[in-house]
Amino acid sequence: MDGMISQMKPLTVALLSFVLVACGGAASDVAEAAPPASPASAARPVAKPAQTAEERAAARAEKAAQRAAERKKMDEDLAARGVKRVGWEDLMPEGENERLAQMYQAQMAMLFSSPVAEGGAGDVGIQIGTFNTVKELNGKKIVIPGYTVPFEFGPDAQIKEFLLVPQFGQCLHNPPPPPNQTIFVIADKAIKMKDLAQAVWIEGTIYTQTQESELADAAYTIKLDRITEYTY
């Protein structure tokens, strides 16, 4: 019996050695195997190199050329319908800018001589300017960009009359522009104002007809045909 046990010991030792080597090799293989790349790291976007000054200039030039082409096509379409695109400076008669500058200077001099207390009764936006108009525009079909100033506010307000001004905030947060830089717009069908900060194209027939309102007086009136979003 002792002899048999003695003969089994070398075999047992050999088997144990084999098992340890096999397990150790498997553990080593698992430890040394590189973990698979995660989907997030594999899909990580590569940062784009910064544009050079020449590339930025080329992009601006391309965008300007695109805008010019769009304006040219717009003018051709307008001409086919007998409509002329005008700017706010076209509403000012000759010499009006000089007269307006003198009126602003007089207003500033009056404010300096008699300061107005902030928040006081006199601290209100005053409309400065004249009702002088360009008579040749009367009865013409035009399109002009600007910002809408409705007389009614609210998400469901249906507007048929509103003011058009050159800059956002005029008549609201800022003083109104001169009367001949203010247009009173009349629509046959009520429209819904979505965003006052969005400039629009106003197309219609313009008249040198004075309109008065609580927000500002206007030297021009437009009978609205269509209103579209102005793209910069």
Protein backbone atom coordinates (compact mmCIF):
# COMPACT_ATOMS: atom_id res chain seq x y z
CA MET A 1 0.00 0.00 0.00
CA ASP A 2 2.79 2.42 0.93
CA GLY A 3 4.52 1.55 -2.33
CA MET A 4 1.41 2.36 -4.34
CA ILE A 5 1.07 5.75 -2.61
CA SER A 6 4.70 6.48 -3.25
CA GLN A 7 4.18 5.72 -6.96
CA MET A 8 1.12 8.04 -7.15
CA LYS A 9 2.85 11.07 -5.63
CA PRO A 10 4.95 11.95 -8.71
CA LEU A 11 1.82 11.58 -10.90
CA THR A 12 -0.24 13.80 -8.59
CA VAL A 13 2.49 16.42 -8.53
CA ALA A 14 2.73 16.35 -12.31
CA LEU A 15 -1.05 16.78 -12.69
CA LEU A 16 -1.12 19.66 -10.23
CA SER A 17 1.76 21.34 -12.07
CA PHE A 18 -0.07 20.96 -15.37
CA VAL A 19 -3.28 22.47 -13.97
CA LEU A 20 -1.42 25.40 -12.42
CA VAL A 21 0.49 26.12 -15.61
CA ALA A 22 -2.69 25.91 -17.71
CA CYS A 23 -4.67 28.19 -15.38
CA GLY A 24 -1.80 30.59 -15.06
CA GLY A 25 -1.41 30.77 -18.82
CA ALA A 26 -5.14 31.42 -19.28
CA ALA A 27 -5.11 34.12 -16.63
CA SER A 28 -2.07 35.66 -18.25
CA ASP A 29 -3.78 35.63 -21.64
CA VAL A 30 -6.87 37.34 -20.17
CA ALA A 31 -4.77 39.92 -18.34
CA GLU A 32 -2.65 40.75 -21.37
CA ALA A 33 -5.56 40.94 -23.86
CA ALA A 34 -6.32 44.57 -24.82
CA PRO A 35 -9.86 45.70 -23.97
CA PRO A 36 -12.07 46.30 -27.04
CA ALA A 37 -12.55 49.93 -28.05
CA SER A 38 -15.79 51.38 -26.77
CA PRO A 39 -18.29 52.73 -29.36
CA ALA A 40 -18.00 56.22 -27.88
CA SER A 41 -14.23 56.36 -28.32
CA ALA A 42 -14.43 54.83 -31.78
CA ALA A 43 -17.02 57.39 -32.92
CA ARG A 44 -15.27 60.41 -31.39
CA PRO A 45 -15.25 63.21 -34.03
CA VAL A 46 -11.96 64.58 -35.21
CA ALA A 47 -11.51 68.27 -34.47
CA LYS A 48 -11.47 70.41 -37.61
CA PRO A 49 -8.46 72.63 -38.11
CA ALA A 50 -9.06 76.33 -37.62
CA GLN A 51 -9.71 78.34 -40.78
CA THR A 52 -6.98 80.60 -42.02
CA ALA A 53 -7.55 84.31 -42.63
CA GLU A 54 -7.61 83.64 -46.37
CA GLU A 55 -10.25 80.91 -45.98
CA ARG A 56 -12.43 83.17 -43.82
CA ALA A 57 -12.14 85.98 -46.35
CA ALA A 58 -13.05 83.60 -49.18
CA ALA A 59 -16.10 82.36 -47.23
CA ARG A 60 -17.27 85.94 -46.64
CA ALA A 61 -16.79 86.81 -50.29
CA GLU A 62 -18.75 83.72 -51.35
CA LYS A 63 -21.60 84.60 -48.98
CA ALA A 64 -21.66 88.21 -50.23
CA ALA A 65 -21.78 87.01 -53.83
CA GLN A 66 -24.65 84.67 -52.96
CA ARG A 67 -26.61 87.53 -51.34
CA ALA A 68 -25.95 89.75 -54.35
CA ALA A 69 -27.23 87.04 -56.69
CA GLU A 70 -30.35 86.58 -54.56
CA ARG A 71 -31.02 90.34 -54.54
CA LYS A 72 -30.54 90.52 -58.30
CA LYS A 73 -33.05 87.72 -58.83
CA MET A 74 -35.43 89.42 -56.39
CA ASP A 75 -35.19 92.73 -58.30
CA GLU A 76 -35.86 90.93 -61.59
CA ASP A 77 -38.94 89.24 -60.14
CA LEU A 78 -40.15 92.56 -58.68
CA ALA A 79 -39.60 94.38 -61.96
CA ALA A 80 -41.70 91.75 -63.74
CA ARG A 81 -44.55 92.61 -61.36
CA GLY A 82 -44.01 96.35 -61.62
CA VAL A 83 -42.64 96.64 -58.05
CA LYS A 84 -39.56 98.66 -57.07
CA ARG A 85 -37.30 97.85 -54.11
CA VAL A 86 -36.55 101.00 -52.09
CA GLY A 87 -34.59 101.81 -48.96
CA TRP A 88 -35.44 104.14 -46.11
CA GLU A 89 -33.13 106.81 -47.46
CA ASP A 90 -35.32 106.91 -50.59
CA LEU A 91 -38.20 108.24 -48.45
CA MET A 92 -36.21 111.34 -47.48
CA PRO A 93 -36.58 114.36 -49.79
CA GLU A 94 -33.54 116.35 -50.81
CA GLY A 95 -31.98 118.30 -47.93
CA GLU A 96 -33.99 116.42 -45.29
CA ASN A 97 -30.93 114.91 -43.60
CA GLU A 98 -29.48 118.38 -42.98
CA ARG A 99 -32.79 119.65 -41.60
CA LEU A 100 -33.08 116.60 -39.36
CA ALA A 101 -29.55 117.09 -38.02
CA GLN A 102 -30.36 120.70 -37.09
CA MET A 103 -33.52 119.58 -35.28
CA TYR A 104 -31.59 116.98 -33.28
CA GLN A 105 -28.97 119.57 -32.34
CA ALA A 106 -31.69 121.95 -31.12
CA GLN A 107 -33.27 119.13 -29.10
CA MET A 108 -29.93 118.24 -27.49
CA ALA A 109 -29.26 121.90 -26.65
CA MET A 110 -32.67 122.15 -24.96
CA LEU A 111 -32.02 119.00 -22.92
CA PHE A 112 -28.65 120.31 -21.75
CA SER A 113 -30.13 123.67 -20.75
CA SER A 114 -33.09 122.08 -18.94
CA PRO A 115 -32.12 118.55 -17.83
CA VAL A 116 -34.96 116.05 -17.58
CA ALA A 117 -35.08 113.83 -14.49
CA GLU A 118 -34.80 110.16 -15.33
CA GLY A 119 -38.19 108.52 -14.90
CA GLY A 120 -39.92 111.88 -14.63
CA ALA A 121 -42.92 113.12 -16.56
CA GLY A 122 -40.69 114.65 -19.23
CA ASP A 123 -38.58 111.50 -19.65
CA VAL A 124 -40.37 110.27 -22.77
CA GLY A 125 -39.28 109.54 -26.31
CA ILE A 126 -40.00 112.49 -28.56
CA GLN A 127 -40.56 112.09 -32.27
CA ILE A 128 -38.35 114.56 -34.07
CA GLY A 129 -38.56 115.29 -37.78
CA THR A 130 -40.93 116.48 -40.48
CA PHE A 131 -43.72 115.19 -42.70
CA ASN A 132 -41.83 116.11 -45.86
CA THR A 133 -42.15 113.33 -48.42
CA VAL A 134 -40.94 112.33 -51.86
CA LYS A 135 -44.00 113.12 -53.95
CA GLU A 136 -42.86 110.92 -56.85
CA LEU A 137 -43.40 107.82 -54.68
CA ASN A 138 -47.11 108.47 -54.25
CA GLY A 139 -49.15 105.60 -55.72
CA LYS A 140 -46.09 103.49 -56.59
CA LYS A 141 -45.80 99.77 -55.88
CA ILE A 142 -42.74 99.22 -53.70
CA VAL A 143 -41.13 96.71 -51.38
CA ILE A 144 -39.15 97.86 -48.35
CA PRO A 145 -37.55 96.04 -45.39
CA GLY A 146 -38.21 97.01 -41.78
CA TYR A 147 -39.55 96.04 -38.38
CA THR A 148 -43.20 95.83 -37.47
CA VAL A 149 -44.72 97.72 -34.53
CA PRO A 150 -48.29 96.52 -33.88
CA PHE A 151 -50.83 98.55 -31.92
CA GLU A 152 -52.08 95.36 -30.23
CA PHE A 153 -49.98 92.77 -28.48
CA GLY A 154 -50.70 89.16 -27.63
CA PRO A 155 -50.17 85.65 -29.02
CA ASP A 156 -53.60 85.63 -30.66
CA ALA A 157 -53.76 89.26 -31.76
CA GLN A 158 -55.04 89.65 -35.32
CA ILE A 159 -53.42 92.74 -36.83
CA LYS A 160 -54.76 94.80 -39.72
CA GLU A 161 -52.85 98.01 -38.99
CA PHE A 162 -49.29 98.49 -37.77
CA LEU A 163 -46.23 100.70 -38.12
CA LEU A 164 -43.10 99.85 -40.08
CA VAL A 165 -39.82 101.38 -38.85
CA PRO A 166 -36.17 101.08 -39.93
CA GLN A 167 -34.74 99.71 -36.65
CA PHE A 168 -35.92 97.20 -34.09
CA GLY A 169 -37.16 98.74 -30.84
CA GLN A 170 -38.19 102.10 -32.28
CA CYS A 171 -41.56 103.25 -30.89
CA LEU A 172 -41.19 100.61 -28.16
CA HIS A 173 -37.92 100.76 -26.20
CA ASN A 174 -36.48 103.67 -28.17
CA PRO A 175 -37.91 106.95 -29.44
CA PRO A 176 -39.79 106.77 -32.75
CA PRO A 177 -38.05 107.71 -35.99
CA PRO A 178 -39.03 110.88 -37.88
CA PRO A 179 -42.50 110.83 -39.47
CA ASN A 180 -41.01 110.46 -42.95
CA GLN A 181 -39.11 107.41 -41.68
CA THR A 182 -42.30 105.84 -40.33
CA ILE A 183 -44.83 103.97 -42.46
CA PHE A 184 -48.42 103.25 -41.47
CA VAL A 185 -49.35 99.86 -42.98
CA ILE A 186 -52.95 98.83 -43.68
CA ALA A 187 -53.89 95.23 -44.52
CA ASP A 188 -57.17 93.99 -45.95
CA LYS A 189 -56.89 90.67 -44.12
CA ALA A 190 -55.78 90.32 -40.51
CA ILE A 191 -52.32 88.86 -40.03
CA LYS A 192 -50.62 87.37 -36.99
CA MET A 193 -47.35 88.91 -35.79
CA LYS A 194 -45.02 86.09 -34.74
CA ASP A 195 -41.72 87.78 -33.89
CA LEU A 196 -41.23 91.55 -33.67
CA ALA A 197 -37.45 91.11 -33.70
CA GLN A 198 -37.64 89.48 -37.15
CA ALA A 199 -37.27 91.96 -39.98
CA VAL A 200 -39.74 91.64 -42.85
CA TRP A 201 -40.26 92.73 -46.43
CA ILE A 202 -43.39 94.84 -46.86
CA GLU A 203 -44.79 94.99 -50.39
CA GLY A 204 -47.65 97.19 -51.44
CA THR A 205 -48.71 100.58 -52.77
CA ILE A 206 -47.25 103.57 -50.95
CA TYR A 207 -49.06 106.88 -50.50
CA THR A 208 -47.86 110.22 -49.19
CA GLN A 209 -50.72 110.18 -46.72
CA THR A 210 -50.26 111.26 -43.11
CA GLN A 211 -51.43 108.99 -40.29
CA GLU A 212 -51.42 109.72 -36.56
CA SER A 213 -51.24 107.16 -33.75
CA GLU A 214 -50.41 106.91 -30.08
CA LEU A 215 -47.03 105.35 -30.86
CA ALA A 216 -45.87 107.66 -33.65
CA ASP A 217 -47.05 109.74 -36.56
CA ALA A 218 -46.33 108.58 -40.10
CA ALA A 219 -45.83 110.59 -43.25
CA TYR A 220 -46.36 107.56 -45.48
CA THR A 221 -49.08 104.92 -45.75
CA ILE A 222 -48.77 101.54 -47.46
CA LYS A 223 -51.68 99.40 -48.62
CA LEU A 224 -50.27 95.94 -47.93
CA ASP A 225 -50.13 93.28 -50.67
CA ARG A 226 -47.75 90.80 -49.05
CA ILE A 227 -45.39 90.41 -46.11
CA THR A 228 -42.42 88.04 -46.15
CA GLU A 229 -39.46 87.30 -43.88
CA TYR A 230 -36.32 89.33 -44.48
CA THR A 231 -33.20 87.16 -44.73
CA TYR A 232 -29.87 88.71 -43.82
